[in-house]
Amino acid sequence: MINNDVLRSIRYMLDLSDGKIAEICALADPAFVVDKADVPGWLRKENEEGFVACDDRTLAHFLDGLIVQMRGRDESQPLRPVEKRITNNLVLKKLRVAFELKDVDMHAIFESAGFPVSKPELSALFRQPDHKNFRACGDQLLRNFLKGLTLRVRGA
């Protein structure tokens, strides 16, 4: 899934303003500054005028900032380095952490989106890439997870 779609989905889910998106990015690393004026370009669709591709670094800062926003920062730990490459599996992991979701919650979210996932399939998504049972998260799976999570957060 392209980063812009993920950002757009989370923005809708949490009803975030452009300024709030910029603030959340700064929560991950205060040295990473996002101009509020850049956000509307990221939220446009690919075929719309003014579309700007959201790079991996920006989405990684946003997702890490979302974790801090939702759960708070552990001051005893140093700032985590931001990932250089974002994958669907990483987006899924970061959203799971941000919303404090257990396996039961994850299954319920997929079920509510009409896309049930078995226990082995779900655990395979969270394994290390070099593990023999690792499974890459496809666009359809992530899209359905975001849809189900939106239903959970915003209500039907």
Protein backbone atom coordinates (compact mmCIF):
# COMPACT_ATOMS: atom_id res chain seq x y z
CA MET A 1 0.00 0.00 0.00
CA ILE A 2 1.35 3.43 -0.72
CA ASN A 3 2.25 5.57 2.27
CA ASN A 4 -0.27 8.26 1.31
CA ASP A 5 -3.14 5.75 1.58
CA VAL A 6 -2.01 4.69 5.05
CA LEU A 7 -1.70 8.30 6.21
CA ARG A 8 -5.09 9.19 4.71
CA SER A 9 -6.77 6.20 6.40
CA ILE A 10 -5.32 6.97 9.82
CA ARG A 11 -6.19 10.65 9.46
CA TYR A 12 -9.82 9.76 8.72
CA MET A 13 -9.92 7.15 11.49
CA LEU A 14 -8.71 9.57 14.18
CA ASP A 15 -10.19 12.74 12.60
CA LEU A 16 -6.81 14.53 12.64
CA SER A 17 -6.19 18.04 11.34
CA ASP A 18 -3.18 18.88 9.17
CA GLY A 19 -1.52 20.60 12.12
CA LYS A 20 -2.08 17.57 14.35
CA ILE A 21 -0.40 15.30 11.78
CA ALA A 22 2.65 17.59 11.82
CA GLU A 23 2.64 17.57 15.65
CA ILE A 24 2.44 13.78 15.78
CA CYS A 25 5.45 13.48 13.45
CA ALA A 26 7.46 15.69 15.81
CA LEU A 27 6.60 13.47 18.81
CA ALA A 28 8.80 10.70 17.41
CA ASP A 29 11.79 12.99 16.99
CA PRO A 30 11.65 16.71 17.81
CA ALA A 31 14.45 17.33 15.28
CA PHE A 32 12.20 16.05 12.45
CA VAL A 33 10.10 19.03 11.45
CA VAL A 34 7.07 18.67 9.19
CA ASP A 35 5.59 21.82 7.74
CA LYS A 36 1.81 21.92 8.13
CA ALA A 37 1.62 23.16 4.53
CA ASP A 38 3.10 19.86 3.23
CA VAL A 39 0.33 17.70 4.71
CA PRO A 40 -2.50 18.47 2.22
CA GLY A 41 -0.32 17.23 -0.66
CA TRP A 42 0.18 13.90 1.11
CA LEU A 43 -3.56 13.53 1.66
CA ARG A 44 -4.50 13.98 -2.00
CA LYS A 45 -5.08 10.97 -4.26
CA GLU A 46 -2.50 10.11 -6.91
CA ASN A 47 -4.60 11.44 -9.78
CA GLU A 48 -5.39 14.77 -8.07
CA GLU A 49 -3.50 17.96 -8.73
CA GLY A 50 -1.07 18.84 -5.95
CA PHE A 51 -0.40 15.19 -4.97
CA VAL A 52 2.93 14.73 -3.18
CA ALA A 53 4.25 11.26 -2.38
CA CYS A 54 4.74 10.66 1.35
CA ASP A 55 8.20 9.15 1.83
CA ASP A 56 9.02 6.25 4.16
CA ARG A 57 10.87 8.49 6.62
CA THR A 58 7.85 10.75 7.11
CA LEU A 59 5.42 7.84 7.55
CA ALA A 60 7.82 6.17 10.00
CA HIS A 61 7.97 9.38 12.08
CA PHE A 62 4.19 9.67 11.95
CA LEU A 63 3.64 6.07 13.10
CA ASP A 64 6.24 6.35 15.87
CA GLY A 65 4.68 9.65 16.92
CA LEU A 66 1.27 8.00 16.95
CA ILE A 67 2.59 5.41 19.38
CA VAL A 68 3.85 8.20 21.66
CA GLN A 69 0.54 10.07 21.28
CA MET A 70 -1.59 7.02 22.16
CA ARG A 71 0.59 5.37 24.81
CA GLY A 72 3.01 8.02 26.06
CA ARG A 73 6.79 8.11 25.95
CA ASP A 74 8.98 5.99 28.20
CA GLU A 75 11.48 8.59 29.39
CA SER A 76 13.84 5.89 30.67
CA GLN A 77 14.42 4.71 27.09
CA PRO A 78 16.36 6.63 24.43
CA LEU A 79 14.59 7.67 21.22
CA ARG A 80 14.30 4.71 18.87
CA PRO A 81 15.92 5.08 15.47
CA VAL A 82 13.34 5.53 12.73
CA GLU A 83 13.13 2.82 10.09
CA LYS A 84 14.45 3.72 6.67
CA ARG A 85 12.04 1.42 4.82
CA ILE A 86 8.37 0.98 5.73
CA THR A 87 6.58 -2.23 4.84
CA ASN A 88 2.96 -3.24 5.32
CA ASN A 89 4.09 -5.58 8.11
CA LEU A 90 5.76 -2.69 9.91
CA VAL A 91 2.64 -0.50 9.57
CA LEU A 92 0.58 -3.34 11.04
CA LYS A 93 3.03 -3.77 13.94
CA LYS A 94 3.14 -0.07 14.76
CA LEU A 95 -0.66 0.25 14.69
CA ARG A 96 -0.93 -2.82 16.92
CA VAL A 97 1.41 -1.20 19.44
CA ALA A 98 -0.23 2.25 19.21
CA PHE A 99 -3.73 0.92 19.85
CA GLU A 100 -2.54 -1.73 22.36
CA LEU A 101 -4.18 -4.56 20.42
CA LYS A 102 -4.02 -8.20 21.49
CA ASP A 103 -4.47 -11.16 19.13
CA VAL A 104 -8.17 -11.36 20.02
CA ASP A 105 -8.59 -7.69 19.10
CA MET A 106 -6.76 -8.18 15.81
CA HIS A 107 -8.98 -11.13 14.87
CA ALA A 108 -12.10 -9.11 15.75
CA ILE A 109 -10.89 -6.19 13.62
CA PHE A 110 -10.28 -8.40 10.59
CA GLU A 111 -13.63 -10.12 11.17
CA SER A 112 -15.49 -6.80 11.32
CA ALA A 113 -13.96 -5.85 7.96
CA GLY A 114 -15.26 -9.12 6.48
CA PHE A 115 -11.75 -10.52 6.12
CA PRO A 116 -11.19 -13.25 8.75
CA VAL A 117 -7.58 -14.27 9.38
CA SER A 118 -6.51 -17.48 11.10
CA LYS A 119 -4.22 -17.53 14.15
CA PRO A 120 -1.23 -18.94 12.23
CA GLU A 121 -1.69 -16.36 9.46
CA LEU A 122 -1.78 -13.52 11.97
CA SER A 123 1.27 -14.69 13.90
CA ALA A 124 3.19 -15.10 10.63
CA LEU A 125 2.71 -11.39 9.91
CA PHE A 126 4.56 -10.41 13.09
CA ARG A 127 7.57 -12.71 12.69
CA GLN A 128 11.03 -11.57 11.67
CA PRO A 129 11.52 -11.55 7.87
CA ASP A 130 14.21 -14.25 8.05
CA HIS A 131 11.92 -16.65 10.00
CA LYS A 132 10.71 -19.64 7.95
CA ASN A 133 7.05 -18.93 8.77
CA PHE A 134 7.21 -15.19 8.02
CA ARG A 135 4.46 -13.92 5.74
CA ALA A 136 4.53 -10.57 3.97
CA CYS A 137 1.44 -8.45 4.60
CA GLY A 138 -0.29 -7.74 1.33
CA ASP A 139 -2.06 -4.54 0.41
CA GLN A 140 -5.51 -6.14 0.64
CA LEU A 141 -4.83 -7.42 4.15
CA LEU A 142 -3.57 -4.03 5.39
CA ARG A 143 -6.46 -2.23 3.69
CA ASN A 144 -8.97 -4.51 5.44
CA PHE A 145 -7.19 -4.06 8.77
CA LEU A 146 -7.37 -0.27 8.43
CA LYS A 147 -11.05 -0.55 7.47
CA GLY A 148 -11.81 -2.74 10.51
CA LEU A 149 -9.79 -0.52 12.84
CA THR A 150 -11.66 2.52 11.55
CA LEU A 151 -14.96 0.78 12.30
CA ARG A 152 -13.72 0.02 15.80
CA VAL A 153 -12.44 3.56 16.51
CA ARG A 154 -15.15 5.61 14.81
CA GLY A 155 -18.01 3.17 15.26
CA ALA A 156 -20.36 1.78 12.60
